[in-house]
């Protein structure tokens, strides 16, 4: 499911207009100013009980290898976003 399909499903299930559904999806998931992205940028964890949690993860600087040449390279430290599914979501999708 892509973003436009998500917007359409949200509009159908809630009986709101497609434009309002688009605004709601953008408010949550926009990478620049979405609610989740802003919380992660400020160092907060976003937990939706039963669904899952979004949090940032720190990766230390490390050595790696260029797979093409085999030459050792330095990989800089980085911060990434992660999602961990909650028990409710895990139970709903799998056995």
N, C-alpha and C. Protein backbone atom coordinates (compact mmCIF):
# COMPACT_ATOMS: atom_id res chain seq x y z
N UNK A 1 0.85 -1.17 0.00
CA UNK A 1 0.00 0.00 0.00
C UNK A 1 0.89 1.23 0.00
N UNK A 2 0.65 2.14 -0.93
CA UNK A 2 1.41 3.39 -0.95
C UNK A 2 0.60 4.51 -0.27
N UNK A 3 1.17 5.71 -0.26
CA UNK A 3 0.54 6.80 0.48
C UNK A 3 -0.83 7.17 -0.09
N UNK A 4 -0.97 7.22 -1.39
CA UNK A 4 -2.27 7.60 -1.96
C UNK A 4 -3.33 6.54 -1.66
N UNK A 5 -2.94 5.27 -1.63
CA UNK A 5 -3.88 4.22 -1.25
C UNK A 5 -4.25 4.32 0.22
N UNK A 6 -3.29 4.69 1.06
CA UNK A 6 -3.56 4.89 2.48
C UNK A 6 -4.56 6.03 2.67
N UNK A 7 -4.35 7.12 1.94
CA UNK A 7 -5.27 8.26 2.01
C UNK A 7 -6.67 7.83 1.61
N UNK A 8 -6.79 7.07 0.53
CA UNK A 8 -8.10 6.63 0.06
C UNK A 8 -8.78 5.72 1.08
N UNK A 9 -8.04 4.79 1.67
CA UNK A 9 -8.60 3.90 2.69
C UNK A 9 -9.06 4.69 3.91
N UNK A 10 -8.26 5.66 4.33
CA UNK A 10 -8.63 6.50 5.47
C UNK A 10 -9.91 7.27 5.17
N UNK A 11 -10.01 7.84 3.98
CA UNK A 11 -11.21 8.59 3.60
C UNK A 11 -12.43 7.67 3.59
N UNK A 12 -12.28 6.47 3.06
CA UNK A 12 -13.40 5.52 2.99
C UNK A 12 -13.87 5.09 4.37
N UNK A 13 -12.93 4.77 5.25
CA UNK A 13 -13.30 4.24 6.57
C UNK A 13 -13.87 5.28 7.51
N UNK A 14 -13.46 6.53 7.34
CA UNK A 14 -13.90 7.56 8.28
C UNK A 14 -14.95 8.49 7.71
N UNK A 15 -15.30 8.31 6.46
CA UNK A 15 -16.30 9.16 5.79
C UNK A 15 -15.90 10.63 5.79
N UNK A 16 -14.60 10.88 5.70
CA UNK A 16 -14.13 12.27 5.54
C UNK A 16 -13.70 12.42 4.08
N UNK A 17 -13.51 13.66 3.67
CA UNK A 17 -13.12 13.90 2.28
C UNK A 17 -11.69 13.40 2.06
N UNK A 18 -11.39 13.14 0.80
CA UNK A 18 -10.04 12.69 0.44
C UNK A 18 -9.01 13.78 0.79
N UNK A 19 -9.39 15.04 0.61
CA UNK A 19 -8.48 16.15 0.93
C UNK A 19 -8.17 16.19 2.43
N UNK A 20 -9.18 15.97 3.26
CA UNK A 20 -8.96 15.95 4.71
C UNK A 20 -8.12 14.73 5.12
N UNK A 21 -8.36 13.61 4.47
CA UNK A 21 -7.56 12.41 4.75
C UNK A 21 -6.10 12.65 4.37
N UNK A 22 -5.88 13.33 3.24
CA UNK A 22 -4.51 13.66 2.80
C UNK A 22 -3.82 14.54 3.84
N UNK A 23 -4.55 15.52 4.37
CA UNK A 23 -3.98 16.41 5.40
C UNK A 23 -3.62 15.62 6.66
N UNK A 24 -4.47 14.67 7.04
CA UNK A 24 -4.22 13.86 8.24
C UNK A 24 -2.97 12.99 8.06
N UNK A 25 -2.86 12.35 6.90
CA UNK A 25 -1.70 11.49 6.63
C UNK A 25 -0.43 12.34 6.60
N UNK A 26 -0.47 13.49 5.95
CA UNK A 26 0.70 14.38 5.90
C UNK A 26 1.08 14.87 7.31
N UNK A 27 0.07 15.19 8.12
CA UNK A 27 0.34 15.68 9.48
C UNK A 27 1.09 14.63 10.30
N UNK A 28 0.79 13.36 10.08
CA UNK A 28 1.46 12.30 10.82
C UNK A 28 2.80 11.91 10.22
N UNK A 29 2.84 11.71 8.90
CA UNK A 29 3.98 11.04 8.29
C UNK A 29 4.92 11.90 7.46
N UNK A 30 4.68 13.19 7.31
CA UNK A 30 5.57 14.03 6.53
C UNK A 30 6.98 14.00 7.13
N UNK A 31 7.99 13.82 6.27
CA UNK A 31 9.36 13.73 6.79
C UNK A 31 9.91 15.08 7.24
N UNK A 32 9.34 16.16 6.72
CA UNK A 32 9.84 17.48 7.09
C UNK A 32 9.19 18.04 8.35
N UNK A 33 7.88 17.96 8.44
CA UNK A 33 7.20 18.56 9.59
C UNK A 33 6.09 17.69 10.14
N UNK A 34 6.13 16.40 9.90
CA UNK A 34 5.14 15.49 10.44
C UNK A 34 5.31 15.31 11.94
N UNK A 35 4.26 14.92 12.59
CA UNK A 35 4.26 14.76 14.04
C UNK A 35 5.30 13.73 14.48
N UNK A 36 5.35 12.60 13.81
CA UNK A 36 6.31 11.55 14.18
C UNK A 36 7.74 12.00 13.94
N UNK A 37 8.01 12.60 12.78
CA UNK A 37 9.36 13.06 12.46
C UNK A 37 9.83 14.13 13.44
N UNK A 38 8.96 15.06 13.79
CA UNK A 38 9.34 16.13 14.72
C UNK A 38 9.67 15.56 16.10
N UNK A 39 8.89 14.58 16.55
CA UNK A 39 9.16 13.97 17.85
C UNK A 39 10.51 13.25 17.83
N UNK A 40 10.79 12.53 16.76
CA UNK A 40 12.07 11.82 16.66
C UNK A 40 13.24 12.79 16.58
N UNK A 41 13.06 13.90 15.85
CA UNK A 41 14.12 14.91 15.75
C UNK A 41 14.45 15.50 17.10
N UNK A 42 13.44 15.64 17.97
CA UNK A 42 13.68 16.22 19.29
C UNK A 42 14.11 15.17 20.31
N UNK A 43 14.29 13.92 19.86
CA UNK A 43 14.79 12.88 20.74
C UNK A 43 13.73 12.10 21.49
N UNK A 44 12.47 12.36 21.18
CA UNK A 44 11.38 11.65 21.84
C UNK A 44 11.10 10.31 21.17
N UNK A 45 10.47 9.42 21.90
CA UNK A 45 10.01 8.15 21.37
C UNK A 45 8.50 8.27 21.18
N UNK A 46 7.98 7.75 20.06
CA UNK A 46 6.55 7.79 19.79
C UNK A 46 6.00 6.38 19.97
N UNK A 47 5.12 6.20 20.94
CA UNK A 47 4.54 4.89 21.23
C UNK A 47 3.04 4.93 21.00
N UNK A 48 2.57 4.03 20.16
CA UNK A 48 1.14 3.87 19.91
C UNK A 48 0.79 2.49 20.46
N UNK A 49 0.17 2.47 21.62
CA UNK A 49 -0.10 1.23 22.35
C UNK A 49 -0.83 0.22 21.46
N UNK A 50 -0.30 -0.98 21.43
CA UNK A 50 -0.88 -2.05 20.63
C UNK A 50 -0.39 -2.08 19.20
N UNK A 51 0.08 -0.94 18.69
CA UNK A 51 0.54 -0.86 17.31
C UNK A 51 2.06 -0.96 17.23
N UNK A 52 2.76 -0.11 17.96
CA UNK A 52 4.21 -0.15 17.95
C UNK A 52 4.82 1.15 18.39
N UNK A 53 6.14 1.24 18.26
CA UNK A 53 6.83 2.46 18.67
C UNK A 53 7.91 2.83 17.66
N UNK A 54 8.07 4.14 17.51
CA UNK A 54 9.11 4.71 16.66
C UNK A 54 10.15 5.31 17.59
N UNK A 55 11.42 5.08 17.30
CA UNK A 55 12.48 5.68 18.10
C UNK A 55 13.74 5.83 17.26
N UNK A 56 14.64 6.67 17.73
CA UNK A 56 15.90 6.84 17.03
C UNK A 56 16.92 5.86 17.58
N UNK A 57 17.84 5.46 16.72
CA UNK A 57 18.90 4.54 17.11
C UNK A 57 20.23 5.15 16.71
N UNK A 58 21.18 5.07 17.61
CA UNK A 58 22.51 5.60 17.35
C UNK A 58 23.42 4.48 16.87
N UNK A 59 24.16 4.73 15.82
CA UNK A 59 25.14 3.75 15.34
C UNK A 59 26.51 4.37 15.49
N UNK A 60 27.41 3.63 16.08
CA UNK A 60 28.78 4.09 16.29
C UNK A 60 29.54 4.11 14.97
N UNK A 61 30.60 4.91 14.92
CA UNK A 61 31.50 4.88 13.77
C UNK A 61 32.18 3.52 13.74
N UNK A 62 32.44 3.04 12.55
CA UNK A 62 33.03 1.71 12.45
C UNK A 62 33.81 1.57 11.15
N UNK A 63 34.53 0.48 11.05
CA UNK A 63 35.26 0.14 9.83
C UNK A 63 34.38 -0.78 8.99
N UNK A 64 34.46 -0.64 7.70
CA UNK A 64 33.72 -1.51 6.80
C UNK A 64 34.58 -1.82 5.59
N UNK A 65 34.06 -2.56 4.67
CA UNK A 65 34.78 -2.90 3.45
C UNK A 65 33.94 -2.55 2.24
N UNK A 66 34.61 -1.99 1.23
CA UNK A 66 33.97 -1.76 -0.05
C UNK A 66 33.80 -3.13 -0.70
N UNK A 67 32.57 -3.56 -0.96
CA UNK A 67 32.39 -4.91 -1.50
C UNK A 67 32.98 -5.10 -2.90
N UNK A 68 33.12 -4.03 -3.63
CA UNK A 68 33.66 -4.14 -4.99
C UNK A 68 35.17 -4.29 -4.98
N UNK A 69 35.85 -3.48 -4.13
CA UNK A 69 37.32 -3.50 -4.15
C UNK A 69 37.93 -4.25 -2.98
N UNK A 70 37.15 -4.44 -1.92
CA UNK A 70 37.68 -5.08 -0.72
C UNK A 70 38.47 -4.14 0.16
N UNK A 71 38.59 -2.88 -0.26
CA UNK A 71 39.35 -1.88 0.50
C UNK A 71 38.59 -1.49 1.76
N UNK A 72 39.31 -1.36 2.88
CA UNK A 72 38.70 -0.96 4.14
C UNK A 72 38.33 0.52 4.09
N UNK A 73 37.14 0.84 4.59
CA UNK A 73 36.67 2.23 4.62
C UNK A 73 36.15 2.57 6.01
N UNK A 74 36.14 3.87 6.31
CA UNK A 74 35.58 4.35 7.56
C UNK A 74 34.11 4.70 7.34
N UNK A 75 33.25 4.21 8.21
CA UNK A 75 31.82 4.52 8.16
C UNK A 75 31.53 5.42 9.35
N UNK A 76 30.99 6.60 9.07
CA UNK A 76 30.74 7.59 10.11
C UNK A 76 29.59 7.16 11.03
N UNK A 77 29.60 7.71 12.24
CA UNK A 77 28.48 7.49 13.17
C UNK A 77 27.23 8.09 12.56
N UNK A 78 26.08 7.51 12.87
CA UNK A 78 24.83 8.01 12.31
C UNK A 78 23.66 7.76 13.25
N UNK A 79 22.59 8.46 13.00
CA UNK A 79 21.34 8.28 13.72
C UNK A 79 20.29 7.84 12.72
N UNK A 80 19.52 6.82 13.05
CA UNK A 80 18.48 6.36 12.14
C UNK A 80 17.18 6.18 12.92
N UNK A 81 16.08 6.15 12.18
CA UNK A 81 14.78 5.92 12.79
C UNK A 81 14.48 4.43 12.74
N UNK A 82 13.86 3.94 13.79
CA UNK A 82 13.48 2.53 13.83
C UNK A 82 12.05 2.38 14.29
N UNK A 83 11.45 1.28 13.89
CA UNK A 83 10.08 0.97 14.30
C UNK A 83 10.07 -0.44 14.88
N UNK A 84 9.42 -0.58 16.02
CA UNK A 84 9.25 -1.89 16.64
C UNK A 84 7.76 -2.15 16.78
N UNK A 85 7.30 -3.22 16.15
CA UNK A 85 5.88 -3.56 16.19
C UNK A 85 5.47 -3.95 17.61
N UNK A 86 4.28 -3.53 18.00
CA UNK A 86 3.74 -3.87 19.31
C UNK A 86 3.07 -5.24 19.28
N UNK A 87 2.72 -5.72 20.45
CA UNK A 87 2.13 -7.06 20.57
C UNK A 87 0.82 -7.17 19.80
N UNK A 88 -0.01 -6.15 19.85
CA UNK A 88 -1.29 -6.19 19.14
C UNK A 88 -1.10 -6.35 17.65
N UNK A 89 -0.16 -5.61 17.08
CA UNK A 89 0.11 -5.70 15.64
C UNK A 89 0.71 -7.05 15.28
N UNK A 90 1.64 -7.52 16.09
CA UNK A 90 2.25 -8.83 15.85
C UNK A 90 1.19 -9.92 15.86
N UNK A 91 0.30 -9.87 16.85
CA UNK A 91 -0.75 -10.87 16.95
C UNK A 91 -1.72 -10.80 15.78
N UNK A 92 -1.97 -9.58 15.29
CA UNK A 92 -2.94 -9.40 14.21
C UNK A 92 -2.43 -9.92 12.86
N UNK A 93 -1.12 -9.86 12.65
CA UNK A 93 -0.61 -10.21 11.32
C UNK A 93 0.03 -11.59 11.23
N UNK A 94 0.31 -12.21 12.34
CA UNK A 94 1.00 -13.49 12.23
C UNK A 94 0.60 -14.48 13.30
N UNK A 95 1.18 -15.61 13.14
CA UNK A 95 0.87 -16.67 14.12
C UNK A 95 2.00 -16.85 15.09
